[in-house]
């Protein structure tokens, strides 16, 4: 029986319990290079008017789709009548 069992796990000498510490990388300690200056086109104020219109349209389509899917789900779920029969079937 002793030959068939494995000895208990013992960590390597000099190693502590748990995971080794996470050491910072040398690349992360260096400062990031400065970004190039923005061009006049990039500095221009962004217009959100068109995005708001598209978001409103998307909300309307989502609401309409939910109503349609709910109606389909209600029709697909058979309601049981008396004695467990399905209406419309004889």
PDB file of N, CA and C in Angstrom:
ATOM      1  N   UNK A   1       0.829  -1.184   0.000  1.00  0.00           N
ATOM      2  CA  UNK A   1       0.000   0.000   0.000  1.00  0.00           C
ATOM      3  C   UNK A   1       0.877   1.253   0.000  1.00  0.00           C
ATOM      4  N   UNK A   2       2.005   1.207   0.755  1.00  0.00           N
ATOM      5  CA  UNK A   2       2.892   2.353   0.836  1.00  0.00           C
ATOM      6  C   UNK A   2       3.526   2.661  -0.506  1.00  0.00           C
ATOM      7  N   UNK A   3       3.813   1.672  -1.315  1.00  0.00           N
ATOM      8  CA  UNK A   3       4.425   1.894  -2.622  1.00  0.00           C
ATOM      9  C   UNK A   3       3.443   2.539  -3.601  1.00  0.00           C
ATOM     10  N   UNK A   4       2.139   2.335  -3.413  1.00  0.00           N
ATOM     11  CA  UNK A   4       1.131   2.857  -4.331  1.00  0.00           C
ATOM     12  C   UNK A   4       0.697   4.271  -4.032  1.00  0.00           C
ATOM     13  N   UNK A   5       1.041   4.829  -2.922  1.00  0.00           N
ATOM     14  CA  UNK A   5       0.620   6.191  -2.585  1.00  0.00           C
ATOM     15  C   UNK A   5       1.747   7.176  -2.830  1.00  0.00           C
ATOM     16  N   UNK A   6       1.359   8.399  -3.131  1.00  0.00           N
ATOM     17  CA  UNK A   6       2.353   9.442  -3.377  1.00  0.00           C
ATOM     18  C   UNK A   6       2.664  10.165  -2.065  1.00  0.00           C
ATOM     19  N   UNK A   7       3.882  10.647  -1.921  1.00  0.00           N
ATOM     20  CA  UNK A   7       4.204  11.404  -0.705  1.00  0.00           C
ATOM     21  C   UNK A   7       3.476  12.752  -0.719  1.00  0.00           C
ATOM     22  N   UNK A   8       3.263  13.364   0.427  1.00  0.00           N
ATOM     23  CA  UNK A   8       2.577  14.659   0.460  1.00  0.00           C
ATOM     24  C   UNK A   8       3.381  15.714  -0.296  1.00  0.00           C
ATOM     25  N   UNK A   9       2.675  16.696  -0.864  1.00  0.00           N
ATOM     26  CA  UNK A   9       3.318  17.755  -1.618  1.00  0.00           C
ATOM     27  C   UNK A   9       4.123  18.633  -0.674  1.00  0.00           C
ATOM     28  N   UNK A  10       5.336  18.894  -1.053  1.00  0.00           N
ATOM     29  CA  UNK A  10       6.199  19.793  -0.276  1.00  0.00           C
ATOM     30  C   UNK A  10       6.768  20.825  -1.243  1.00  0.00           C
ATOM     31  N   UNK A  11       6.661  22.114  -0.912  1.00  0.00           N
ATOM     32  CA  UNK A  11       7.211  23.131  -1.821  1.00  0.00           C
ATOM     33  C   UNK A  11       8.726  23.024  -1.904  1.00  0.00           C
ATOM     34  N   UNK A  12       9.258  23.614  -2.960  1.00  0.00           N
ATOM     35  CA  UNK A  12      10.703  23.616  -3.139  1.00  0.00           C
ATOM     36  C   UNK A  12      11.356  24.388  -2.000  1.00  0.00           C
ATOM     37  N   UNK A  13      12.547  24.001  -1.596  1.00  0.00           N
ATOM     38  CA  UNK A  13      13.217  24.732  -0.515  1.00  0.00           C
ATOM     39  C   UNK A  13      13.446  26.202  -0.901  1.00  0.00           C
ATOM     40  N   UNK A  14      13.172  27.095   0.021  1.00  0.00           N
ATOM     41  CA  UNK A  14      13.376  28.510  -0.209  1.00  0.00           C
ATOM     42  C   UNK A  14      12.146  29.217  -0.764  1.00  0.00           C
ATOM     43  N   UNK A  15      11.134  28.493  -1.162  1.00  0.00           N
ATOM     44  CA  UNK A  15       9.919  29.098  -1.694  1.00  0.00           C
ATOM     45  C   UNK A  15       8.898  29.201  -0.577  1.00  0.00           C
ATOM     46  N   UNK A  16       8.238  30.342  -0.525  1.00  0.00           N
ATOM     47  CA  UNK A  16       7.192  30.529   0.473  1.00  0.00           C
ATOM     48  C   UNK A  16       5.856  30.016  -0.034  1.00  0.00           C
ATOM     49  N   UNK A  17       4.818  30.275   0.729  1.00  0.00           N
ATOM     50  CA  UNK A  17       3.481  29.836   0.362  1.00  0.00           C
ATOM     51  C   UNK A  17       2.852  30.842  -0.600  1.00  0.00           C
ATOM     52  N   UNK A  18       1.955  30.380  -1.454  1.00  0.00           N
ATOM     53  CA  UNK A  18       1.207  31.260  -2.337  1.00  0.00           C
ATOM     54  C   UNK A  18       1.946  31.606  -3.618  1.00  0.00           C
ATOM     55  N   UNK A  19       1.398  32.590  -4.286  1.00  0.00           N
ATOM     56  CA  UNK A  19       1.971  33.019  -5.558  1.00  0.00           C
ATOM     57  C   UNK A  19       3.180  33.921  -5.329  1.00  0.00           C
ATOM     58  N   UNK A  20       4.093  33.909  -6.284  1.00  0.00           N
ATOM     59  CA  UNK A  20       5.227  34.829  -6.165  1.00  0.00           C
ATOM     60  C   UNK A  20       4.751  36.268  -6.381  1.00  0.00           C
ATOM     61  N   UNK A  21       5.468  37.241  -5.836  1.00  0.00           N
ATOM     62  CA  UNK A  21       5.042  38.641  -5.981  1.00  0.00           C
ATOM     63  C   UNK A  21       5.134  39.093  -7.436  1.00  0.00           C
ATOM     64  N   UNK A  22       4.267  40.042  -7.788  1.00  0.00           N
ATOM     65  CA  UNK A  22       4.287  40.618  -9.131  1.00  0.00           C
ATOM     66  C   UNK A  22       5.295  41.762  -9.128  1.00  0.00           C
ATOM     67  N   UNK A  23       6.333  41.597  -9.914  1.00  0.00           N
ATOM     68  CA  UNK A  23       7.365  42.615  -9.981  1.00  0.00           C
ATOM     69  C   UNK A  23       7.054  43.579 -11.114  1.00  0.00           C
ATOM     70  N   UNK A  24       7.258  44.887 -10.917  1.00  0.00           N
ATOM     71  CA  UNK A  24       6.964  45.845 -11.994  1.00  0.00           C
ATOM     72  C   UNK A  24       7.923  45.649 -13.166  1.00  0.00           C
ATOM     73  N   UNK A  25       7.375  45.786 -14.367  1.00  0.00           N
ATOM     74  CA  UNK A  25       8.196  45.679 -15.573  1.00  0.00           C
ATOM     75  C   UNK A  25       9.015  46.954 -15.736  1.00  0.00           C
ATOM     76  N   UNK A  26      10.155  46.827 -16.365  1.00  0.00           N
ATOM     77  CA  UNK A  26      11.010  47.992 -16.593  1.00  0.00           C
ATOM     78  C   UNK A  26      10.347  48.951 -17.576  1.00  0.00           C
ATOM     79  N   UNK A  27       9.525  48.413 -18.501  1.00  0.00           N
ATOM     80  CA  UNK A  27       8.874  49.260 -19.502  1.00  0.00           C
ATOM     81  C   UNK A  27       7.823  50.165 -18.864  1.00  0.00           C
ATOM     82  N   UNK A  28       7.181  49.722 -17.816  1.00  0.00           N
ATOM     83  CA  UNK A  28       6.116  50.500 -17.193  1.00  0.00           C
ATOM     84  C   UNK A  28       6.645  51.642 -16.327  1.00  0.00           C
ATOM     85  N   UNK A  29       7.877  51.555 -15.906  1.00  0.00           N
ATOM     86  CA  UNK A  29       8.430  52.601 -15.051  1.00  0.00           C
ATOM     87  C   UNK A  29       8.870  53.825 -15.843  1.00  0.00           C
ATOM     88  N   UNK A  30       9.047  53.670 -17.164  1.00  0.00           N
ATOM     89  CA  UNK A  30       9.458  54.807 -17.977  1.00  0.00           C
ATOM     90  C   UNK A  30       8.228  55.642 -18.338  1.00  0.00           C
ATOM     91  N   UNK A  31       8.368  56.976 -18.373  1.00  0.00           N
ATOM     92  CA  UNK A  31       7.202  57.810 -18.720  1.00  0.00           C
ATOM     93  C   UNK A  31       6.804  57.624 -20.176  1.00  0.00           C
ATOM     94  N   UNK A  32       5.511  57.792 -20.436  1.00  0.00           N
ATOM     95  CA  UNK A  32       5.008  57.673 -21.800  1.00  0.00           C
ATOM     96  C   UNK A  32       5.432  58.884 -22.622  1.00  0.00           C
ATOM     97  N   UNK A  33       5.670  58.701 -23.913  1.00  0.00           N
ATOM     98  CA  UNK A  33       6.036  59.844 -24.745  1.00  0.00           C
ATOM     99  C   UNK A  33       4.841  60.796 -24.897  1.00  0.00           C
ATOM    100  N   UNK A  34       5.113  62.069 -25.095  1.00  0.00           N
ATOM    101  CA  UNK A  34       4.061  63.073 -25.243  1.00  0.00           C
ATOM    102  C   UNK A  34       3.323  62.860 -26.557  1.00  0.00           C
ATOM    103  N   UNK A  35       2.009  63.120 -26.533  1.00  0.00           N
ATOM    104  CA  UNK A  35       1.212  62.987 -27.746  1.00  0.00           C
ATOM    105  C   UNK A  35       1.486  64.161 -28.677  1.00  0.00           C
ATOM    106  N   UNK A  36       1.374  63.934 -29.979  1.00  0.00           N
ATOM    107  CA  UNK A  36       1.582  65.048 -30.911  1.00  0.00           C
ATOM    108  C   UNK A  36       0.429  66.051 -30.773  1.00  0.00           C
ATOM    109  N   UNK A  37       0.670  67.320 -31.088  1.00  0.00           N
ATOM    110  CA  UNK A  37      -0.393  68.320 -30.960  1.00  0.00           C
ATOM    111  C   UNK A  37      -1.539  68.010 -31.921  1.00  0.00           C
ATOM    112  N   UNK A  38      -2.751  68.413 -31.516  1.00  0.00           N
ATOM    113  CA  UNK A  38      -3.939  68.174 -32.328  1.00  0.00           C
ATOM    114  C   UNK A  38      -4.001  69.135 -33.503  1.00  0.00           C
ATOM    115  N   UNK A  39      -4.486  68.637 -34.616  1.00  0.00           N
ATOM    116  CA  UNK A  39      -4.682  69.484 -35.788  1.00  0.00           C
ATOM    117  C   UNK A  39      -5.977  70.274 -35.601  1.00  0.00           C
ATOM    118  N   UNK A  40      -6.181  71.358 -36.352  1.00  0.00           N
ATOM    119  CA  UNK A  40      -7.429  72.124 -36.216  1.00  0.00           C
ATOM    120  C   UNK A  40      -8.677  71.284 -36.462  1.00  0.00           C
ATOM    121  N   UNK A  41      -8.591  70.325 -37.368  1.00  0.00           N
ATOM    122  CA  UNK A  41      -9.735  69.460 -37.637  1.00  0.00           C
ATOM    123  C   UNK A  41     -10.049  68.588 -36.419  1.00  0.00           C
ATOM    124  N   UNK A  42      -9.018  68.089 -35.756  1.00  0.00           N
ATOM    125  CA  UNK A  42      -9.218  67.257 -34.568  1.00  0.00           C
ATOM    126  C   UNK A  42      -9.721  68.076 -33.381  1.00  0.00           C
ATOM    127  N   UNK A  43      -9.363  69.346 -33.326  1.00  0.00           N
ATOM    128  CA  UNK A  43      -9.784  70.200 -32.211  1.00  0.00           C
ATOM    129  C   UNK A  43     -11.221  70.680 -32.341  1.00  0.00           C
ATOM    130  N   UNK A  44     -11.791  70.541 -33.534  1.00  0.00           N
ATOM    131  CA  UNK A  44     -13.134  71.027 -33.782  1.00  0.00           C
ATOM    132  C   UNK A  44     -14.141  70.352 -32.853  1.00  0.00           C
ATOM    133  N   UNK A  45     -15.124  71.104 -32.417  1.00  0.00           N
ATOM    134  CA  UNK A  45     -16.146  70.585 -31.502  1.00  0.00           C
ATOM    135  C   UNK A  45     -16.993  69.569 -32.255  1.00  0.00           C
ATOM    136  N   UNK A  46     -17.286  68.455 -31.624  1.00  0.00           N
ATOM    137  CA  UNK A  46     -18.070  67.401 -32.232  1.00  0.00           C
ATOM    138  C   UNK A  46     -19.553  67.697 -32.076  1.00  0.00           C
ATOM    139  N   UNK A  47     -20.310  67.553 -33.155  1.00  0.00           N
ATOM    140  CA  UNK A  47     -21.750  67.804 -33.129  1.00  0.00           C
ATOM    141  C   UNK A  47     -22.484  66.509 -32.780  1.00  0.00           C
ATOM    142  N   UNK A  48     -23.320  66.574 -31.744  1.00  0.00           N
ATOM    143  CA  UNK A  48     -24.052  65.408 -31.293  1.00  0.00           C
ATOM    144  C   UNK A  48     -25.494  65.375 -31.804  1.00  0.00           C
ATOM    145  N   UNK A  49     -25.924  66.361 -32.569  1.00  0.00           N
ATOM    146  CA  UNK A  49     -27.314  66.428 -33.020  1.00  0.00           C
ATOM    147  C   UNK A  49     -27.707  65.186 -33.822  1.00  0.00           C
ATOM    148  N   UNK A  50     -26.886  64.779 -34.754  1.00  0.00           N
ATOM    149  CA  UNK A  50     -27.220  63.631 -35.589  1.00  0.00           C
ATOM    150  C   UNK A  50     -27.213  62.338 -34.776  1.00  0.00           C
ATOM    151  N   UNK A  51     -26.304  62.224 -33.822  1.00  0.00           N
ATOM    152  CA  UNK A  51     -26.255  61.024 -32.980  1.00  0.00           C
ATOM    153  C   UNK A  51     -27.533  60.909 -32.165  1.00  0.00           C
ATOM    154  N   UNK A  52     -28.027  62.032 -31.623  1.00  0.00           N
ATOM    155  CA  UNK A  52     -29.256  61.998 -30.837  1.00  0.00           C
ATOM    156  C   UNK A  52     -30.436  61.562 -31.693  1.00  0.00           C
ATOM    157  N   UNK A  53     -30.482  61.989 -32.943  1.00  0.00           N
ATOM    158  CA  UNK A  53     -31.554  61.571 -33.845  1.00  0.00           C
ATOM    159  C   UNK A  53     -31.495  60.068 -34.079  1.00  0.00           C
ATOM    160  N   UNK A  54     -30.301  59.546 -34.335  1.00  0.00           N
ATOM    161  CA  UNK A  54     -30.157  58.110 -34.571  1.00  0.00           C
ATOM    162  C   UNK A  54     -30.468  57.304 -33.314  1.00  0.00           C
ATOM    163  N   UNK A  55     -30.100  57.815 -32.152  1.00  0.00           N
ATOM    164  CA  UNK A  55     -30.415  57.119 -30.897  1.00  0.00           C
ATOM    165  C   UNK A  55     -31.924  57.078 -30.671  1.00  0.00           C
ATOM    166  N   UNK A  56     -32.628  58.158 -30.990  1.00  0.00           N
ATOM    167  CA  UNK A  56     -34.086  58.190 -30.865  1.00  0.00           C
ATOM    168  C   UNK A  56     -34.719  57.169 -31.804  1.00  0.00           C
ATOM    169  N   UNK A  57     -34.235  57.111 -33.034  1.00  0.00           N
ATOM    170  CA  UNK A  57     -34.745  56.123 -33.990  1.00  0.00           C
ATOM    171  C   UNK A  57     -34.484  54.697 -33.509  1.00  0.00           C
ATOM    172  N   UNK A  58     -33.300  54.452 -32.978  1.00  0.00           N
ATOM    173  CA  UNK A  58     -32.970  53.112 -32.476  1.00  0.00           C
ATOM    174  C   UNK A  58     -33.879  52.736 -31.307  1.00  0.00           C
ATOM    175  N   UNK A  59     -34.170  53.667 -30.401  1.00  0.00           N
ATOM    176  CA  UNK A  59     -35.081  53.398 -29.284  1.00  0.00           C
ATOM    177  C   UNK A  59     -36.468  53.030 -29.779  1.00  0.00           C
ATOM    178  N   UNK A  60     -36.968  53.728 -30.801  1.00  0.00           N
ATOM    179  CA  UNK A  60     -38.287  53.428 -31.348  1.00  0.00           C
ATOM    180  C   UNK A  60     -38.320  52.027 -31.970  1.00  0.00           C
ATOM    181  N   UNK A  61     -37.277  51.675 -32.698  1.00  0.00           N
ATOM    182  CA  UNK A  61     -37.228  50.355 -33.328  1.00  0.00           C
ATOM    183  C   UNK A  61     -37.156  49.266 -32.257  1.00  0.00           C
ATOM    184  N   UNK A  62     -36.386  49.491 -31.203  1.00  0.00           N
ATOM    185  CA  UNK A  62     -36.280  48.499 -30.129  1.00  0.00           C
ATOM    186  C   UNK A  62     -37.632  48.308 -29.445  1.00  0.00           C
ATOM    187  N   UNK A  63     -38.336  49.418 -29.156  1.00  0.00           N
ATOM    188  CA  UNK A  63     -39.654  49.315 -28.526  1.00  0.00           C
ATOM    189  C   UNK A  63     -40.625  48.551 -29.414  1.00  0.00           C
ATOM    190  N   UNK A  64     -40.641  48.864 -30.700  1.00  0.00           N
ATOM    191  CA  UNK A  64     -41.549  48.198 -31.630  1.00  0.00           C
ATOM    192  C   UNK A  64     -41.216  46.710 -31.744  1.00  0.00           C
ATOM    193  N   UNK A  65     -39.932  46.368 -31.789  1.00  0.00           N
ATOM    194  CA  UNK A  65     -39.512  44.973 -31.882  1.00  0.00           C
ATOM    195  C   UNK A  65     -39.913  44.207 -30.636  1.00  0.00           C
ATOM    196  N   UNK A  66     -39.756  44.811 -29.461  1.00  0.00           N
ATOM    197  CA  UNK A  66     -40.163  44.140 -28.223  1.00  0.00           C
ATOM    198  C   UNK A  66     -41.658  43.855 -28.223  1.00  0.00           C
ATOM    199  N   UNK A  67     -42.468  44.845 -28.655  1.00  0.00           N
ATOM    200  CA  UNK A  67     -43.919  44.639 -28.704  1.00  0.00           C
ATOM    201  C   UNK A  67     -44.262  43.498 -29.656  1.00  0.00           C
ATOM    202  N   UNK A  68     -43.617  43.468 -30.813  1.00  0.00           N
ATOM    203  CA  UNK A  68     -43.884  42.416 -31.794  1.00  0.00           C
ATOM    204  C   UNK A  68     -43.482  41.047 -31.249  1.00  0.00           C
ATOM    205  N   UNK A  69     -42.309  40.958 -30.643  1.00  0.00           N
ATOM    206  CA  UNK A  69     -41.854  39.676 -30.096  1.00  0.00           C
ATOM    207  C   UNK A  69     -42.733  39.220 -28.942  1.00  0.00           C
ATOM    208  N   UNK A  70     -43.195  40.148 -28.096  1.00  0.00           N
ATOM    209  CA  UNK A  70     -44.106  39.786 -27.002  1.00  0.00           C
ATOM    210  C   UNK A  70     -45.418  39.245 -27.557  1.00  0.00           C
ATOM    211  N   UNK A  71     -45.935  39.869 -28.618  1.00  0.00           N
ATOM    212  CA  UNK A  71     -47.174  39.400 -29.227  1.00  0.00           C
ATOM    213  C   UNK A  71     -46.992  38.007 -29.825  1.00  0.00           C
ATOM    214  N   UNK A  72     -45.866  37.764 -30.474  1.00  0.00           N
ATOM    215  CA  UNK A  72     -45.594  36.445 -31.049  1.00  0.00           C
ATOM    216  C   UNK A  72     -45.468  35.407 -29.941  1.00  0.00           C
ATOM    217  N   UNK A  73     -44.803  35.761 -28.850  1.00  0.00           N
ATOM    218  CA  UNK A  73     -44.624  34.825 -27.733  1.00  0.00           C
ATOM    219  C   UNK A  73     -45.966  34.490 -27.094  1.00  0.00           C
ATOM    220  N   UNK A  74     -46.868  35.474 -26.985  1.00  0.00           N
ATOM    221  CA  UNK A  74     -48.187  35.209 -26.405  1.00  0.00           C
ATOM    222  C   UNK A  74     -48.994  34.278 -27.292  1.00  0.00           C
ATOM    223  N   UNK A  75     -48.896  34.436 -28.627  1.00  0.00           N
ATOM    224  CA  UNK A  75     -49.623  33.564 -29.537  1.00  0.00           C
ATOM    225  C   UNK A  75     -49.036  32.158 -29.566  1.00  0.00           C
ATOM    226  N   UNK A  76     -47.729  32.025 -29.382  1.00  0.00           N
ATOM    227  CA  UNK A  76     -47.065  30.725 -29.455  1.00  0.00           C
ATOM    228  C   UNK A  76     -47.276  29.901 -28.198  1.00  0.00           C
ATOM    229  N   UNK A  77     -47.603  30.535 -27.071  1.00  0.00           N
ATOM    230  CA  UNK A  77     -47.812  29.810 -25.823  1.00  0.00           C
ATOM    231  C   UNK A  77     -49.248  29.308 -25.796  1.00  0.00           C
ATOM    232  N   UNK A  78     -49.466  27.985 -25.879  1.00  0.00           N
ATOM    233  CA  UNK A  78     -50.839  27.476 -25.883  1.00  0.00           C
ATOM    234  C   UNK A  78     -51.456  27.594 -24.494  1.00  0.00           C
ATOM    235  N   UNK A  79     -52.658  28.135 -24.445  1.00  0.00           N
ATOM    236  CA  UNK A  79     -53.390  28.226 -23.191  1.00  0.00           C
ATOM    237  C   UNK A  79     -54.199  26.952 -23.039  1.00  0.00           C
ATOM    238  N   UNK A  80     -54.200  26.371 -21.882  1.00  0.00           N
ATOM    239  CA  UNK A  80     -54.933  25.129 -21.666  1.00  0.00           C
ATOM    240  C   UNK A  80     -56.352  25.436 -21.235  1.00  0.00           C
ATOM    241  N   UNK A  81     -57.276  24.694 -21.783  1.00  0.00           N
ATOM    242  CA  UNK A  81     -58.691  24.868 -21.431  1.00  0.00           C
ATOM    243  C   UNK A  81     -59.065  23.859 -20.360  1.00  0.00           C
ATOM    244  N   UNK A  82     -60.370  23.537 -20.254  1.00  0.00           N
ATOM    245  CA  UNK A  82     -60.801  22.574 -19.244  1.00  0.00           C
ATOM    246  C   UNK A  82     -60.227  21.193 -19.534  1.00  0.00           C
ATOM    247  N   UNK A  83     -59.883  20.518 -18.502  1.00  0.00           N
ATOM    248  CA  UNK A  83     -59.331  19.153 -18.527  1.00  0.00           C
ATOM    249  C   UNK A  83     -58.039  19.081 -19.322  1.00  0.00           C
ATOM    250  N   UNK A  84     -57.286  20.171 -19.390  1.00  0.00           N
ATOM    251  CA  UNK A  84     -55.973  20.158 -20.011  1.00  0.00           C
ATOM    252  C   UNK A  84     -55.985  20.144 -21.518  1.00  0.00           C
ATOM    253  N   UNK A  85     -57.160  20.392 -22.152  1.00  0.00           N
ATOM    254  CA  UNK A  85     -57.215  20.387 -23.615  1.00  0.00           C
ATOM    255  C   UNK A  85     -56.725  21.725 -24.144  1.00  0.00           C
ATOM    256  N   UNK A  86     -56.219  21.709 -25.347  1.00  0.00           N
ATOM    257  CA  UNK A  86     -55.741  22.915 -26.000  1.00  0.00           C
ATOM    258  C   UNK A  86     -56.894  23.468 -26.830  1.00  0.00           C
ATOM    259  N   UNK A  87     -57.236  24.760 -26.694  1.00  0.00           N
ATOM    260  CA  UNK A  87     -58.351  25.314 -27.463  1.00  0.00           C
ATOM    261  C   UNK A  87     -58.091  25.216 -28.959  1.00  0.00           C
ATOM    262  N   UNK A  88     -59.175  24.920 -29.728  1.00  0.00           N
ATOM    263  CA  UNK A  88     -59.046  24.837 -31.177  1.00  0.00           C
ATOM    264  C   UNK A  88     -58.712  23.449 -31.667  1.00  0.00           C
ATOM    265  N   UNK A  89     -58.441  22.512 -30.756  1.00  0.00           N
ATOM    266  CA  UNK A  89     -58.131  21.141 -31.155  1.00  0.00           C
ATOM    267  C   UNK A  89     -59.226  20.223 -30.640  1.00  0.00           C
ATOM    268  N   UNK A  90     -59.639  19.252 -31.475  1.00  0.00           N
ATOM    269  CA  UNK A  90     -60.688  18.332 -31.049  1.00  0.00           C
ATOM    270  C   UNK A  90     -60.128  16.967 -30.837  1.00  0.00           C
TER     271      UNK A  90
END
